[in-house]
Amino acid sequence: MHVPALGWRDLALQSLWEARFGLRVIVENKARAAATVEFLQGAAQAVQNFVYVSIGTSGHPPGRVGTRSVSAK
């Protein structure tokens, strides 16, 4: 993970948390995570394609286009 605003460079957050909690961990950005939840359990589960737009002040580009063909990391 690389988060310049926090001074993090090449931080292995996923493996650190997996070791700490003994569970599988997925680290994802908030827009993609929110769109995935809409795809799996929310308003987008009944449609073939959707666009999720995340508007915030984080300085990152908003949005994600989702389709029914989703693969796990």
N, C-alpha and C. Protein backbone atom coordinates (compact mmCIF):
# COMPACT_ATOMS: atom_id res chain seq x y z
N MET A 1 0.85 -1.16 0.00
CA MET A 1 0.00 0.00 0.00
C MET A 1 0.90 1.23 0.00
N HIS A 2 0.48 2.21 -0.76
CA HIS A 2 1.24 3.45 -0.88
C HIS A 2 0.29 4.61 -0.61
N VAL A 3 0.46 5.28 0.53
CA VAL A 3 -0.39 6.41 0.91
C VAL A 3 0.52 7.58 1.30
N PRO A 4 0.88 8.42 0.32
CA PRO A 4 1.80 9.52 0.60
C PRO A 4 1.29 10.47 1.69
N ALA A 5 -0.02 10.69 1.74
CA ALA A 5 -0.57 11.61 2.74
C ALA A 5 -0.30 11.15 4.17
N LEU A 6 -0.14 9.84 4.35
CA LEU A 6 0.14 9.29 5.68
C LEU A 6 1.60 8.90 5.85
N GLY A 7 2.39 9.12 4.79
CA GLY A 7 3.79 8.75 4.85
C GLY A 7 4.04 7.26 4.70
N TRP A 8 3.05 6.51 4.18
CA TRP A 8 3.19 5.07 4.01
C TRP A 8 3.73 4.78 2.62
N ARG A 9 4.79 3.99 2.55
CA ARG A 9 5.35 3.54 1.28
C ARG A 9 5.58 2.04 1.37
N ASP A 10 5.00 1.33 0.43
CA ASP A 10 5.15 -0.13 0.37
C ASP A 10 4.78 -0.81 1.68
N LEU A 11 3.69 -0.38 2.29
CA LEU A 11 3.21 -0.98 3.53
C LEU A 11 2.39 -2.22 3.19
N ALA A 12 2.74 -3.33 3.74
CA ALA A 12 2.04 -4.60 3.50
C ALA A 12 0.86 -4.72 4.46
N LEU A 13 -0.09 -3.81 4.34
CA LEU A 13 -1.22 -3.75 5.27
C LEU A 13 -2.04 -5.03 5.27
N GLN A 14 -2.28 -5.59 4.09
CA GLN A 14 -3.08 -6.80 4.01
C GLN A 14 -2.45 -7.93 4.82
N SER A 15 -1.19 -8.21 4.60
CA SER A 15 -0.55 -9.31 5.32
C SER A 15 -0.40 -9.01 6.81
N LEU A 16 -0.19 -7.76 7.17
CA LEU A 16 -0.13 -7.39 8.59
C LEU A 16 -1.45 -7.67 9.29
N TRP A 17 -2.54 -7.25 8.66
CA TRP A 17 -3.86 -7.47 9.27
C TRP A 17 -4.24 -8.95 9.27
N GLU A 18 -3.89 -9.68 8.20
CA GLU A 18 -4.19 -11.11 8.18
C GLU A 18 -3.47 -11.83 9.31
N ALA A 19 -2.21 -11.47 9.55
CA ALA A 19 -1.45 -12.08 10.65
C ALA A 19 -2.05 -11.68 12.00
N ARG A 20 -2.45 -10.44 12.14
CA ARG A 20 -2.98 -9.94 13.41
C ARG A 20 -4.33 -10.55 13.77
N PHE A 21 -5.23 -10.65 12.76
CA PHE A 21 -6.59 -11.09 13.03
C PHE A 21 -6.86 -12.55 12.68
N GLY A 22 -5.93 -13.20 11.96
CA GLY A 22 -6.12 -14.59 11.58
C GLY A 22 -7.25 -14.80 10.60
N LEU A 23 -7.53 -13.80 9.78
CA LEU A 23 -8.60 -13.86 8.79
C LEU A 23 -8.09 -13.40 7.44
N ARG A 24 -8.78 -13.78 6.37
CA ARG A 24 -8.46 -13.26 5.04
C ARG A 24 -8.88 -11.79 5.00
N VAL A 25 -8.01 -10.94 4.51
CA VAL A 25 -8.27 -9.50 4.46
C VAL A 25 -8.13 -9.01 3.02
N ILE A 26 -9.06 -8.16 2.60
CA ILE A 26 -8.98 -7.49 1.31
C ILE A 26 -8.89 -6.00 1.58
N VAL A 27 -7.88 -5.36 1.05
CA VAL A 27 -7.71 -3.91 1.21
C VAL A 27 -8.13 -3.27 -0.10
N GLU A 28 -9.07 -2.33 -0.03
CA GLU A 28 -9.63 -1.72 -1.23
C GLU A 28 -9.94 -0.26 -0.96
N ASN A 29 -9.99 0.55 -2.01
CA ASN A 29 -10.36 1.95 -1.82
C ASN A 29 -11.86 2.08 -1.59
N LYS A 30 -12.28 3.18 -1.01
CA LYS A 30 -13.68 3.30 -0.57
C LYS A 30 -14.69 3.33 -1.71
N ALA A 31 -14.36 3.92 -2.85
CA ALA A 31 -15.31 3.96 -3.97
C ALA A 31 -15.52 2.57 -4.55
N ARG A 32 -14.44 1.84 -4.75
CA ARG A 32 -14.56 0.48 -5.29
C ARG A 32 -15.26 -0.44 -4.31
N ALA A 33 -14.97 -0.29 -3.02
CA ALA A 33 -15.64 -1.12 -2.00
C ALA A 33 -17.14 -0.84 -1.97
N ALA A 34 -17.52 0.43 -2.01
CA ALA A 34 -18.94 0.79 -1.99
C ALA A 34 -19.65 0.29 -3.24
N ALA A 35 -19.01 0.42 -4.41
CA ALA A 35 -19.61 -0.07 -5.65
C ALA A 35 -19.77 -1.59 -5.61
N THR A 36 -18.82 -2.29 -5.03
CA THR A 36 -18.91 -3.74 -4.93
C THR A 36 -20.08 -4.16 -4.05
N VAL A 37 -20.30 -3.45 -2.95
CA VAL A 37 -21.44 -3.76 -2.08
C VAL A 37 -22.76 -3.50 -2.81
N GLU A 38 -22.84 -2.40 -3.58
CA GLU A 38 -24.05 -2.15 -4.37
C GLU A 38 -24.28 -3.27 -5.38
N PHE A 39 -23.20 -3.74 -5.98
CA PHE A 39 -23.26 -4.82 -6.96
C PHE A 39 -23.75 -6.12 -6.33
N LEU A 40 -23.24 -6.43 -5.15
CA LEU A 40 -23.56 -7.71 -4.50
C LEU A 40 -24.87 -7.69 -3.71
N GLN A 41 -25.17 -6.56 -3.04
CA GLN A 41 -26.31 -6.56 -2.12
C GLN A 41 -27.23 -5.36 -2.25
N GLY A 42 -26.90 -4.42 -3.11
CA GLY A 42 -27.68 -3.18 -3.17
C GLY A 42 -28.45 -2.99 -4.45
N ALA A 43 -28.57 -1.75 -4.84
CA ALA A 43 -29.39 -1.35 -5.98
C ALA A 43 -28.90 -1.93 -7.31
N ALA A 44 -27.64 -2.27 -7.43
CA ALA A 44 -27.10 -2.75 -8.71
C ALA A 44 -27.20 -4.26 -8.90
N GLN A 45 -27.71 -4.98 -7.93
CA GLN A 45 -27.72 -6.44 -8.07
C GLN A 45 -28.72 -6.95 -9.11
N ALA A 46 -29.68 -6.16 -9.47
CA ALA A 46 -30.69 -6.61 -10.44
C ALA A 46 -30.41 -6.10 -11.85
N VAL A 47 -29.27 -5.47 -12.08
CA VAL A 47 -28.97 -4.92 -13.40
C VAL A 47 -27.70 -5.54 -13.98
N GLN A 48 -27.58 -5.48 -15.30
CA GLN A 48 -26.41 -6.05 -15.98
C GLN A 48 -25.19 -5.14 -15.85
N ASN A 49 -25.39 -3.83 -16.02
CA ASN A 49 -24.30 -2.85 -15.96
C ASN A 49 -24.72 -1.68 -15.08
N PHE A 50 -23.75 -1.06 -14.46
CA PHE A 50 -24.06 0.12 -13.66
C PHE A 50 -22.85 1.01 -13.55
N VAL A 51 -23.10 2.26 -13.19
CA VAL A 51 -22.02 3.21 -12.92
C VAL A 51 -22.20 3.69 -11.50
N TYR A 52 -21.16 3.62 -10.72
CA TYR A 52 -21.18 4.11 -9.35
C TYR A 52 -20.29 5.35 -9.29
N VAL A 53 -20.84 6.46 -8.85
CA VAL A 53 -20.08 7.70 -8.75
C VAL A 53 -19.92 8.06 -7.29
N SER A 54 -18.69 8.19 -6.87
CA SER A 54 -18.38 8.56 -5.50
C SER A 54 -17.84 9.99 -5.51
N ILE A 55 -18.52 10.87 -4.84
CA ILE A 55 -18.09 12.26 -4.80
C ILE A 55 -17.59 12.55 -3.39
N GLY A 56 -16.34 12.96 -3.31
CA GLY A 56 -15.75 13.22 -2.01
C GLY A 56 -14.66 14.26 -2.11
N THR A 57 -13.95 14.43 -1.03
CA THR A 57 -12.89 15.44 -0.98
C THR A 57 -11.52 14.83 -0.81
N SER A 58 -11.39 13.54 -1.13
CA SER A 58 -10.12 12.86 -0.91
C SER A 58 -9.06 13.19 -1.95
N GLY A 59 -9.45 13.84 -3.05
CA GLY A 59 -8.49 14.17 -4.09
C GLY A 59 -8.28 13.06 -5.10
N HIS A 60 -9.02 11.94 -4.96
CA HIS A 60 -8.90 10.83 -5.89
C HIS A 60 -10.00 10.93 -6.93
N PRO A 61 -9.77 10.44 -8.14
CA PRO A 61 -10.82 10.49 -9.15
C PRO A 61 -12.02 9.65 -8.75
N PRO A 62 -13.24 10.16 -8.90
CA PRO A 62 -14.44 9.43 -8.49
C PRO A 62 -14.90 8.44 -9.54
N GLY A 63 -15.67 7.47 -9.07
CA GLY A 63 -16.44 6.62 -9.96
C GLY A 63 -15.88 5.25 -10.24
N ARG A 64 -16.77 4.41 -10.73
CA ARG A 64 -16.43 3.06 -11.15
C ARG A 64 -17.53 2.55 -12.03
N VAL A 65 -17.19 1.86 -13.07
CA VAL A 65 -18.18 1.21 -13.91
C VAL A 65 -18.16 -0.26 -13.55
N GLY A 66 -19.32 -0.81 -13.23
CA GLY A 66 -19.38 -2.21 -12.84
C GLY A 66 -20.14 -3.03 -13.86
N THR A 67 -19.79 -4.28 -13.99
CA THR A 67 -20.51 -5.21 -14.85
C THR A 67 -20.75 -6.49 -14.09
N ARG A 68 -21.55 -7.34 -14.60
CA ARG A 68 -21.88 -8.60 -13.94
C ARG A 68 -20.68 -9.54 -13.90
N SER A 69 -19.70 -9.38 -14.74
CA SER A 69 -18.54 -10.28 -14.72
C SER A 69 -17.49 -9.74 -13.76
N VAL A 70 -17.58 -10.15 -12.52
CA VAL A 70 -16.66 -9.70 -11.48
C VAL A 70 -15.79 -10.87 -11.07
N SER A 71 -14.50 -10.62 -10.94
CA SER A 71 -13.59 -11.66 -10.47
C SER A 71 -13.00 -11.26 -9.15
N ALA A 72 -12.79 -12.20 -8.27
CA ALA A 72 -12.19 -11.93 -6.96
C ALA A 72 -10.70 -11.76 -7.12
N LYS A 73 -10.11 -10.97 -6.23
CA LYS A 73 -8.66 -10.78 -6.26
C LYS A 73 -7.97 -11.99 -5.71
